Each structure stands twice: as structure tokens, then as C-alpha cells.
Amino acid sequence: MKRLNYENGELDLIDETILRALVANARTTNAELARAVNLSAPSVAERVRRLEEAGVITGYSANISPEAIGLPISVWLRVRPVPGQLKQVAELLQDIPEITECNRVTGEDCFLARAHLASVADMERVIDLIIPYAMTNTSIIQSSPVKRRLPPLPAVRTQRRSTYFE
């Protein structure tokens, strides 16, 4: 059997089907995956193991609704540290529990952080923690027309490329 080089995006359609099924439901069993791709459960388990070892699958998780646990306000914080405070701001953002993800970005701002909050007063408190070290610009999320999803997998990228240039 050909060994796939996952770093170069060499996933086959079976791998892609397995990934899509696991993203849709991380609790999908190997038997269910095997039926979906017409392979044996041990073959599917081996593919999943290879995807894990190659770092394609980095973990399994449950999705939790912030609103359902009393956090109805979600915001994006754009953060621009004052000169000399980049490392301090990165550490501070890591220590604020309301911040659920943060990326260092290019452009005028250095960080883009997402926070889930119970109230506008909580948003103000979080901003007040940051402003001694950085300037902030906050946007309240009204809705999310595109939920977190898989990036385009190789077959989809190839398909899109061909439709763009026809």
C-alpha cells in the first residue's frame, strides 16, 4: 500500500471521508466509519492511527454552547501592545479565562482574541485588564454565518481550482 505524505496534503478520499465524519461527530465508532468507507474496522482504525501520528488529527473534543452556560456575549478583541509589552500582553491574554482563543496576527494589531462573557460589565473588566499594556478595539459578535469548519481538504481544493479556471 502506498504510504501517504500528509504534510504535502496527500489525503485520499477515504481519509477525507473519515476526517469529515470525525469532525461531524468525534464519537463516531470505527465500525460506523468502516461502514461509511466500505473498509473493515481494523483498517479504519489503522488509518485513524496514522492520521493521529502524522498530526493531521490533533485531538477530539465536544462543542459547548457559551450561551447555554450563561455566556451570551461573544466578542473579538483586537489588541495592539504598547512598545515593549508584546510578551507581557501575550502572557496576560493566556491568563484571562474568558479568552477562549487568541492568534498573533499581521497588520496594525498584534493579537486577535475571542472572548465569551456573561455581560457588558464583564467585557469592560476584561478590557480593563488589558489596557495598561495595550490598545484594544472590541467587536461584539452578532451572529456567525460561517461556523468553525474543516479547511478545504485536497480533493475539494483540486475541484475548486478546476472550476475557477474553466
N, C-alpha and C. Protein backbone atom coordinates (compact mmCIF):
# COMPACT_ATOMS: atom_id res chain seq x y z
N MET A 1 0.84 -1.18 0.00
CA MET A 1 0.00 0.00 0.00
C MET A 1 0.89 1.24 0.00
N LYS A 2 0.52 2.24 -0.80
CA LYS A 2 1.28 3.49 -0.88
C LYS A 2 1.18 4.24 0.44
N ARG A 3 2.32 4.68 0.93
CA ARG A 3 2.36 5.48 2.17
C ARG A 3 2.08 6.92 1.80
N LEU A 4 1.07 7.52 2.40
CA LEU A 4 0.71 8.89 2.07
C LEU A 4 1.57 9.88 2.84
N ASN A 5 1.92 10.96 2.18
CA ASN A 5 2.69 12.03 2.79
C ASN A 5 1.71 13.13 3.18
N TYR A 6 1.22 13.08 4.41
CA TYR A 6 0.18 14.01 4.84
C TYR A 6 0.65 15.46 4.82
N GLU A 7 1.95 15.70 5.03
CA GLU A 7 2.44 17.08 5.04
C GLU A 7 2.25 17.76 3.69
N ASN A 8 2.23 16.99 2.62
CA ASN A 8 2.02 17.55 1.28
C ASN A 8 0.55 17.49 0.86
N GLY A 9 -0.34 17.23 1.81
CA GLY A 9 -1.76 17.21 1.52
C GLY A 9 -2.22 15.99 0.75
N GLU A 10 -1.49 14.90 0.84
CA GLU A 10 -1.82 13.70 0.09
C GLU A 10 -2.82 12.82 0.84
N LEU A 11 -3.95 13.38 1.17
CA LEU A 11 -5.03 12.59 1.76
C LEU A 11 -5.82 11.98 0.62
N ASP A 12 -6.25 10.73 0.78
CA ASP A 12 -7.12 10.17 -0.25
C ASP A 12 -8.58 10.38 0.17
N LEU A 13 -9.49 9.99 -0.70
CA LEU A 13 -10.91 10.22 -0.43
C LEU A 13 -11.40 9.47 0.79
N ILE A 14 -10.81 8.33 1.09
CA ILE A 14 -11.21 7.58 2.29
C ILE A 14 -10.79 8.36 3.54
N ASP A 15 -9.55 8.87 3.54
CA ASP A 15 -9.10 9.69 4.67
C ASP A 15 -10.01 10.91 4.84
N GLU A 16 -10.35 11.56 3.73
CA GLU A 16 -11.20 12.74 3.81
C GLU A 16 -12.57 12.40 4.36
N THR A 17 -13.13 11.27 3.96
CA THR A 17 -14.43 10.84 4.48
C THR A 17 -14.34 10.58 5.98
N ILE A 18 -13.27 9.94 6.40
CA ILE A 18 -13.06 9.67 7.83
C ILE A 18 -12.95 10.99 8.60
N LEU A 19 -12.16 11.93 8.09
CA LEU A 19 -12.00 13.23 8.76
C LEU A 19 -13.32 13.97 8.87
N ARG A 20 -14.07 14.01 7.78
CA ARG A 20 -15.37 14.71 7.82
C ARG A 20 -16.30 14.07 8.85
N ALA A 21 -16.33 12.75 8.90
CA ALA A 21 -17.20 12.05 9.86
C ALA A 21 -16.77 12.35 11.29
N LEU A 22 -15.46 12.36 11.55
CA LEU A 22 -14.99 12.63 12.91
C LEU A 22 -15.21 14.08 13.32
N VAL A 23 -15.09 15.01 12.37
CA VAL A 23 -15.37 16.41 12.69
C VAL A 23 -16.86 16.59 12.99
N ALA A 24 -17.72 15.91 12.23
CA ALA A 24 -19.16 16.00 12.47
C ALA A 24 -19.54 15.38 13.81
N ASN A 25 -18.86 14.29 14.17
CA ASN A 25 -19.15 13.62 15.44
C ASN A 25 -17.90 12.87 15.88
N ALA A 26 -17.16 13.45 16.81
CA ALA A 26 -15.91 12.85 17.28
C ALA A 26 -16.12 11.51 17.96
N ARG A 27 -17.35 11.19 18.32
CA ARG A 27 -17.65 9.92 18.99
C ARG A 27 -18.03 8.82 18.00
N THR A 28 -17.91 9.09 16.71
CA THR A 28 -18.19 8.07 15.71
C THR A 28 -17.27 6.87 15.94
N THR A 29 -17.85 5.68 15.95
CA THR A 29 -17.04 4.48 16.20
C THR A 29 -16.31 4.05 14.93
N ASN A 30 -15.27 3.24 15.12
CA ASN A 30 -14.56 2.69 13.97
C ASN A 30 -15.49 1.85 13.11
N ALA A 31 -16.42 1.14 13.73
CA ALA A 31 -17.38 0.33 12.97
C ALA A 31 -18.25 1.22 12.09
N GLU A 32 -18.70 2.35 12.62
CA GLU A 32 -19.51 3.28 11.81
C GLU A 32 -18.68 3.87 10.68
N LEU A 33 -17.44 4.25 10.99
CA LEU A 33 -16.55 4.77 9.94
C LEU A 33 -16.31 3.71 8.87
N ALA A 34 -16.09 2.47 9.30
CA ALA A 34 -15.83 1.38 8.35
C ALA A 34 -17.00 1.22 7.38
N ARG A 35 -18.22 1.28 7.90
CA ARG A 35 -19.39 1.16 7.02
C ARG A 35 -19.44 2.32 6.03
N ALA A 36 -19.08 3.52 6.48
CA ALA A 36 -19.14 4.71 5.62
C ALA A 36 -18.14 4.64 4.46
N VAL A 37 -17.01 3.96 4.67
CA VAL A 37 -15.96 3.93 3.64
C VAL A 37 -15.75 2.54 3.04
N ASN A 38 -16.60 1.60 3.40
CA ASN A 38 -16.51 0.23 2.88
C ASN A 38 -15.15 -0.43 3.14
N LEU A 39 -14.66 -0.28 4.35
CA LEU A 39 -13.45 -0.97 4.79
C LEU A 39 -13.76 -1.72 6.09
N SER A 40 -12.83 -2.53 6.52
CA SER A 40 -13.00 -3.21 7.81
C SER A 40 -12.70 -2.24 8.94
N ALA A 41 -13.24 -2.51 10.11
CA ALA A 41 -12.98 -1.67 11.28
C ALA A 41 -11.49 -1.60 11.60
N PRO A 42 -10.73 -2.72 11.54
CA PRO A 42 -9.29 -2.62 11.80
C PRO A 42 -8.56 -1.74 10.78
N SER A 43 -8.98 -1.79 9.52
CA SER A 43 -8.36 -0.93 8.50
C SER A 43 -8.62 0.54 8.79
N VAL A 44 -9.85 0.85 9.20
CA VAL A 44 -10.19 2.23 9.54
C VAL A 44 -9.41 2.66 10.78
N ALA A 45 -9.32 1.79 11.78
CA ALA A 45 -8.57 2.13 12.99
C ALA A 45 -7.11 2.43 12.65
N GLU A 46 -6.53 1.68 11.73
CA GLU A 46 -5.15 1.92 11.30
C GLU A 46 -5.03 3.28 10.59
N ARG A 47 -5.99 3.61 9.75
CA ARG A 47 -5.96 4.91 9.07
C ARG A 47 -6.07 6.05 10.09
N VAL A 48 -6.97 5.91 11.04
CA VAL A 48 -7.13 6.94 12.06
C VAL A 48 -5.84 7.07 12.87
N ARG A 49 -5.22 5.95 13.23
CA ARG A 49 -3.95 5.97 13.97
C ARG A 49 -2.88 6.71 13.16
N ARG A 50 -2.78 6.43 11.86
CA ARG A 50 -1.79 7.11 11.02
C ARG A 50 -2.06 8.61 10.93
N LEU A 51 -3.33 8.97 10.83
CA LEU A 51 -3.70 10.39 10.78
C LEU A 51 -3.34 11.09 12.10
N GLU A 52 -3.52 10.40 13.21
CA GLU A 52 -3.14 10.95 14.51
C GLU A 52 -1.63 11.10 14.61
N GLU A 53 -0.89 10.04 14.26
CA GLU A 53 0.58 10.07 14.36
C GLU A 53 1.19 11.13 13.45
N ALA A 54 0.56 11.38 12.31
CA ALA A 54 1.08 12.39 11.37
C ALA A 54 0.69 13.80 11.79
N GLY A 55 -0.13 13.93 12.84
CA GLY A 55 -0.53 15.26 13.31
C GLY A 55 -1.67 15.86 12.51
N VAL A 56 -2.30 15.07 11.64
CA VAL A 56 -3.48 15.56 10.92
C VAL A 56 -4.64 15.67 11.90
N ILE A 57 -4.87 14.62 12.68
CA ILE A 57 -5.85 14.67 13.77
C ILE A 57 -5.07 15.03 15.03
N THR A 58 -5.41 16.16 15.62
CA THR A 58 -4.67 16.63 16.79
C THR A 58 -5.42 16.44 18.09
N GLY A 59 -6.66 15.98 18.01
CA GLY A 59 -7.42 15.74 19.23
C GLY A 59 -8.90 15.58 18.91
N TYR A 60 -9.65 15.28 19.94
CA TYR A 60 -11.09 15.09 19.83
C TYR A 60 -11.73 15.96 20.90
N SER A 61 -12.89 16.54 20.58
CA SER A 61 -13.48 17.44 21.56
C SER A 61 -14.99 17.47 21.45
N ALA A 62 -15.60 18.08 22.44
CA ALA A 62 -17.04 18.35 22.43
C ALA A 62 -17.21 19.85 22.19
N ASN A 63 -18.22 20.20 21.43
CA ASN A 63 -18.54 21.62 21.23
C ASN A 63 -19.55 22.03 22.29
N ILE A 64 -19.27 23.15 22.93
CA ILE A 64 -20.12 23.64 24.01
C ILE A 64 -20.67 25.00 23.62
N SER A 65 -21.93 25.22 23.83
CA SER A 65 -22.57 26.50 23.53
C SER A 65 -22.32 27.46 24.69
N PRO A 66 -21.57 28.55 24.46
CA PRO A 66 -21.35 29.52 25.54
C PRO A 66 -22.67 30.08 26.08
N GLU A 67 -23.65 30.30 25.19
CA GLU A 67 -24.94 30.83 25.64
C GLU A 67 -25.62 29.90 26.64
N ALA A 68 -25.50 28.61 26.40
CA ALA A 68 -26.16 27.62 27.26
C ALA A 68 -25.56 27.56 28.66
N ILE A 69 -24.34 28.06 28.81
CA ILE A 69 -23.72 28.06 30.15
C ILE A 69 -23.61 29.48 30.72
N GLY A 70 -24.47 30.37 30.21
CA GLY A 70 -24.57 31.71 30.80
C GLY A 70 -23.59 32.73 30.25
N LEU A 71 -23.06 32.52 29.05
CA LEU A 71 -22.14 33.47 28.43
C LEU A 71 -22.71 33.93 27.09
N PRO A 72 -23.73 34.81 27.12
CA PRO A 72 -24.42 35.19 25.88
C PRO A 72 -23.67 36.18 24.99
N ILE A 73 -22.62 36.80 25.50
CA ILE A 73 -21.89 37.80 24.72
C ILE A 73 -20.54 37.23 24.28
N SER A 74 -20.34 37.24 22.97
CA SER A 74 -19.05 36.82 22.41
C SER A 74 -18.46 38.02 21.68
N VAL A 75 -17.16 38.21 21.85
CA VAL A 75 -16.50 39.37 21.25
C VAL A 75 -15.18 38.97 20.61
N TRP A 76 -14.77 39.77 19.64
CA TRP A 76 -13.41 39.72 19.11
C TRP A 76 -12.70 40.95 19.64
N LEU A 77 -11.55 40.74 20.23
CA LEU A 77 -10.72 41.83 20.74
C LEU A 77 -9.49 41.95 19.84
N ARG A 78 -9.32 43.10 19.24
CA ARG A 78 -8.09 43.37 18.52
C ARG A 78 -7.18 44.08 19.51
N VAL A 79 -5.97 43.57 19.66
CA VAL A 79 -5.07 44.04 20.71
C VAL A 79 -3.75 44.48 20.09
N ARG A 80 -3.35 45.72 20.40
CA ARG A 80 -2.07 46.27 19.93
C ARG A 80 -1.25 46.67 21.16
N PRO A 81 -0.25 45.87 21.54
CA PRO A 81 0.56 46.20 22.71
C PRO A 81 1.31 47.52 22.54
N VAL A 82 1.50 48.21 23.66
CA VAL A 82 2.35 49.40 23.61
C VAL A 82 3.80 48.91 23.44
N PRO A 83 4.69 49.74 22.94
CA PRO A 83 6.07 49.29 22.69
C PRO A 83 6.69 48.62 23.92
N GLY A 84 7.31 47.48 23.69
CA GLY A 84 8.00 46.75 24.74
C GLY A 84 7.12 45.81 25.55
N GLN A 85 5.83 45.75 25.26
CA GLN A 85 4.91 44.95 26.08
C GLN A 85 4.34 43.72 25.36
N LEU A 86 4.90 43.37 24.21
CA LEU A 86 4.37 42.25 23.43
C LEU A 86 4.32 40.96 24.25
N LYS A 87 5.43 40.59 24.88
CA LYS A 87 5.47 39.35 25.65
C LYS A 87 4.53 39.42 26.85
N GLN A 88 4.50 40.53 27.53
CA GLN A 88 3.61 40.72 28.69
C GLN A 88 2.15 40.56 28.28
N VAL A 89 1.78 41.14 27.14
CA VAL A 89 0.39 41.06 26.67
C VAL A 89 0.05 39.62 26.29
N ALA A 90 0.96 38.92 25.63
CA ALA A 90 0.71 37.51 25.27
C ALA A 90 0.46 36.69 26.53
N GLU A 91 1.26 36.89 27.55
CA GLU A 91 1.09 36.16 28.81
C GLU A 91 -0.22 36.55 29.50
N LEU A 92 -0.54 37.83 29.47
CA LEU A 92 -1.78 38.30 30.09
C LEU A 92 -3.00 37.69 29.40
N LEU A 93 -3.00 37.66 28.07
CA LEU A 93 -4.12 37.08 27.33
C LEU A 93 -4.30 35.60 27.66
N GLN A 94 -3.19 34.89 27.85
CA GLN A 94 -3.26 33.47 28.22
C GLN A 94 -3.91 33.28 29.58
N ASP A 95 -3.75 34.25 30.46
CA ASP A 95 -4.24 34.12 31.83
C ASP A 95 -5.68 34.58 32.04
N ILE A 96 -6.32 35.14 31.02
CA ILE A 96 -7.70 35.60 31.15
C ILE A 96 -8.63 34.47 30.72
N PRO A 97 -9.36 33.85 31.65
CA PRO A 97 -10.14 32.66 31.31
C PRO A 97 -11.25 32.90 30.30
N GLU A 98 -11.77 34.12 30.22
CA GLU A 98 -12.84 34.42 29.26
C GLU A 98 -12.34 34.37 27.81
N ILE A 99 -11.04 34.51 27.62
CA ILE A 99 -10.47 34.44 26.27
C ILE A 99 -10.29 32.97 25.92
N THR A 100 -11.03 32.54 24.89
CA THR A 100 -11.04 31.13 24.51
C THR A 100 -10.13 30.81 23.34
N GLU A 101 -9.71 31.81 22.61
CA GLU A 101 -8.71 31.61 21.57
C GLU A 101 -8.05 32.94 21.28
N CYS A 102 -6.82 32.87 20.83
CA CYS A 102 -6.07 34.09 20.53
C CYS A 102 -5.03 33.76 19.48
N ASN A 103 -4.92 34.62 18.50
CA ASN A 103 -3.94 34.45 17.44
C ASN A 103 -3.08 35.70 17.34
N ARG A 104 -1.79 35.49 17.10
CA ARG A 104 -0.92 36.60 16.78
C ARG A 104 -1.08 36.83 15.28
N VAL A 105 -1.33 38.07 14.88
CA VAL A 105 -1.67 38.38 13.50
C VAL A 105 -0.79 39.49 12.95
N THR A 106 -0.81 39.61 11.63
CA THR A 106 -0.11 40.71 10.98
C THR A 106 -1.04 41.91 10.89
N GLY A 107 -0.50 43.04 10.54
CA GLY A 107 -1.31 44.25 10.40
C GLY A 107 -1.08 45.19 11.58
N GLU A 108 -2.00 46.10 11.75
CA GLU A 108 -1.86 47.10 12.81
C GLU A 108 -1.91 46.49 14.21
N ASP A 109 -2.73 45.47 14.37
CA ASP A 109 -2.85 44.81 15.68
C ASP A 109 -1.89 43.63 15.73
N CYS A 110 -1.55 43.21 16.92
CA CYS A 110 -0.67 42.05 17.09
C CYS A 110 -1.45 40.79 17.44
N PHE A 111 -2.59 40.96 18.11
CA PHE A 111 -3.37 39.81 18.56
C PHE A 111 -4.84 39.99 18.21
N LEU A 112 -5.48 38.87 17.89
CA LEU A 112 -6.92 38.82 17.70
C LEU A 112 -7.41 37.74 18.65
N ALA A 113 -8.21 38.14 19.64
CA ALA A 113 -8.65 37.22 20.69
C ALA A 113 -10.17 37.15 20.72
N ARG A 114 -10.68 35.95 20.97
CA ARG A 114 -12.11 35.75 21.11
C ARG A 114 -12.41 35.51 22.58
N ALA A 115 -13.44 36.17 23.07
CA ALA A 115 -13.84 36.00 24.47
C ALA A 115 -15.33 35.75 24.55
N HIS A 116 -15.73 34.99 25.56
CA HIS A 116 -17.15 34.72 25.83
C HIS A 116 -17.44 35.27 27.22
N LEU A 117 -18.51 36.07 27.32
CA LEU A 117 -18.77 36.83 28.53
C LEU A 117 -20.23 36.78 28.94
N ALA A 118 -20.46 36.99 30.23
CA ALA A 118 -21.83 36.99 30.76
C ALA A 118 -22.52 38.34 30.58
N SER A 119 -21.74 39.43 30.54
CA SER A 119 -22.35 40.76 30.49
C SER A 119 -21.39 41.78 29.90
N VAL A 120 -21.94 42.93 29.58
CA VAL A 120 -21.11 44.04 29.10
C VAL A 120 -20.15 44.47 30.20
N ALA A 121 -20.57 44.39 31.45
CA ALA A 121 -19.68 44.73 32.57
C ALA A 121 -18.48 43.79 32.59
N ASP A 122 -18.70 42.51 32.30
CA ASP A 122 -17.58 41.57 32.22
C ASP A 122 -16.65 41.92 31.06
N MET A 123 -17.23 42.36 29.95
CA MET A 123 -16.40 42.78 28.81
C MET A 123 -15.52 43.96 29.23
N GLU A 124 -16.10 44.90 29.92
CA GLU A 124 -15.35 46.07 30.39
C GLU A 124 -14.22 45.65 31.33
N ARG A 125 -14.51 44.69 32.22
CA ARG A 125 -13.50 44.21 33.15
C ARG A 125 -12.33 43.57 32.41
N VAL A 126 -12.62 42.76 31.39
CA VAL A 126 -11.56 42.13 30.61
C VAL A 126 -10.74 43.18 29.88
N ILE A 127 -11.40 44.14 29.27
CA ILE A 127 -10.68 45.21 28.57
C ILE A 127 -9.81 45.99 29.55
N ASP A 128 -10.33 46.25 30.74
CA ASP A 128 -9.56 46.99 31.75
C ASP A 128 -8.30 46.25 32.18
N LEU A 129 -8.31 44.92 32.11
CA LEU A 129 -7.11 44.15 32.42
C LEU A 129 -6.02 44.36 31.36
N ILE A 130 -6.44 44.59 30.13
CA ILE A 130 -5.52 44.67 29.00
C ILE A 130 -4.99 46.08 28.78
N ILE A 131 -5.82 47.11 28.97
CA ILE A 131 -5.44 48.46 28.53
C ILE A 131 -4.23 49.09 29.23
N PRO A 132 -3.76 48.63 30.39
CA PRO A 132 -2.50 49.19 30.87
C PRO A 132 -1.30 48.81 29.98
N TYR A 133 -1.46 47.74 29.17
CA TYR A 133 -0.36 47.23 28.38
C TYR A 133 -0.59 47.30 26.87
N ALA A 134 -1.83 47.61 26.46
CA ALA A 134 -2.13 47.57 25.02
C ALA A 134 -3.37 48.40 24.72
N MET A 135 -3.48 48.79 23.45
CA MET A 135 -4.70 49.43 22.97
C MET A 135 -5.61 48.31 22.45
N THR A 136 -6.92 48.47 22.65
CA THR A 136 -7.86 47.44 22.20
C THR A 136 -8.93 48.05 21.32
N ASN A 137 -9.50 47.20 20.50
CA ASN A 137 -10.67 47.54 19.72
C ASN A 137 -11.55 46.30 19.78
N THR A 138 -12.78 46.46 20.25
CA THR A 138 -13.64 45.31 20.52
C THR A 138 -14.85 45.31 19.60
N SER A 139 -15.17 44.15 19.07
CA SER A 139 -16.38 43.97 18.25
C SER A 139 -17.22 42.87 18.87
N ILE A 140 -18.48 43.19 19.17
CA ILE A 140 -19.40 42.18 19.69
C ILE A 140 -19.89 41.36 18.51
N ILE A 141 -19.86 40.04 18.68
CA ILE A 141 -20.30 39.13 17.62
C ILE A 141 -21.82 39.08 17.65
N GLN A 142 -22.46 39.48 16.54
CA GLN A 142 -23.91 39.43 16.45
C GLN A 142 -24.39 38.04 16.05
N SER A 143 -23.73 37.44 15.09
CA SER A 143 -24.06 36.09 14.64
C SER A 143 -22.84 35.52 13.92
N SER A 144 -22.88 34.24 13.63
CA SER A 144 -21.77 33.59 12.95
C SER A 144 -22.30 32.83 11.74
N PRO A 145 -22.37 33.51 10.59
CA PRO A 145 -22.91 32.84 9.40
C PRO A 145 -22.05 31.67 8.92
N VAL A 146 -20.77 31.66 9.27
CA VAL A 146 -19.90 30.53 8.95
C VAL A 146 -19.35 30.02 10.27
N LYS A 147 -19.83 28.86 10.68
CA LYS A 147 -19.34 28.23 11.91
C LYS A 147 -17.96 27.63 11.65
N ARG A 148 -17.23 27.36 12.72
CA ARG A 148 -15.93 26.71 12.58
C ARG A 148 -16.10 25.42 11.79
N ARG A 149 -15.21 25.22 10.81
CA ARG A 149 -15.34 24.06 9.95
C ARG A 149 -13.97 23.60 9.49
N LEU A 150 -13.97 22.48 8.80
CA LEU A 150 -12.73 21.96 8.23
C LEU A 150 -12.19 22.93 7.19
N PRO A 151 -10.87 23.06 7.10
CA PRO A 151 -10.33 23.79 5.96
C PRO A 151 -10.54 22.94 4.70
N PRO A 152 -10.41 23.52 3.52
CA PRO A 152 -10.59 22.72 2.31
C PRO A 152 -9.59 21.57 2.27
N LEU A 153 -10.10 20.36 2.12
CA LEU A 153 -9.25 19.18 2.02
C LEU A 153 -8.77 19.06 0.57
N PRO A 154 -7.72 18.27 0.32
CA PRO A 154 -7.12 18.23 -1.02
C PRO A 154 -8.09 18.02 -2.17
N ALA A 155 -9.03 17.09 -2.04
CA ALA A 155 -9.96 16.85 -3.15
C ALA A 155 -10.81 18.08 -3.42
N VAL A 156 -11.22 18.76 -2.37
CA VAL A 156 -12.02 19.97 -2.54
C VAL A 156 -11.18 21.07 -3.19
N ARG A 157 -9.92 21.22 -2.75
CA ARG A 157 -9.04 22.25 -3.35
C ARG A 157 -8.85 21.98 -4.83
N THR A 158 -8.62 20.73 -5.20
CA THR A 158 -8.43 20.37 -6.60
C THR A 158 -9.69 20.65 -7.40
N GLN A 159 -10.83 20.29 -6.85
CA GLN A 159 -12.11 20.52 -7.53
C GLN A 159 -12.35 22.01 -7.72
N ARG A 160 -12.09 22.82 -6.70
CA ARG A 160 -12.30 24.26 -6.81
C ARG A 160 -11.36 24.88 -7.82
N ARG A 161 -10.10 24.46 -7.83
CA ARG A 161 -9.14 25.00 -8.78
C ARG A 161 -9.64 24.80 -10.20
N SER A 162 -10.16 23.61 -10.49
CA SER A 162 -10.58 23.33 -11.85
C SER A 162 -11.82 24.16 -12.22
N THR A 163 -12.72 24.44 -11.27
CA THR A 163 -13.91 25.23 -11.60
C THR A 163 -13.57 26.71 -11.72
N TYR A 164 -12.55 27.19 -11.02
CA TYR A 164 -12.18 28.60 -11.13
C TYR A 164 -11.64 28.95 -12.51
N PHE A 165 -10.99 28.00 -13.14
CA PHE A 165 -10.29 28.32 -14.39
C PHE A 165 -10.98 27.76 -15.62
N GLU A 166 -12.21 27.30 -15.48
CA GLU A 166 -12.91 26.75 -16.66
C GLU A 166 -13.75 27.83 -17.31
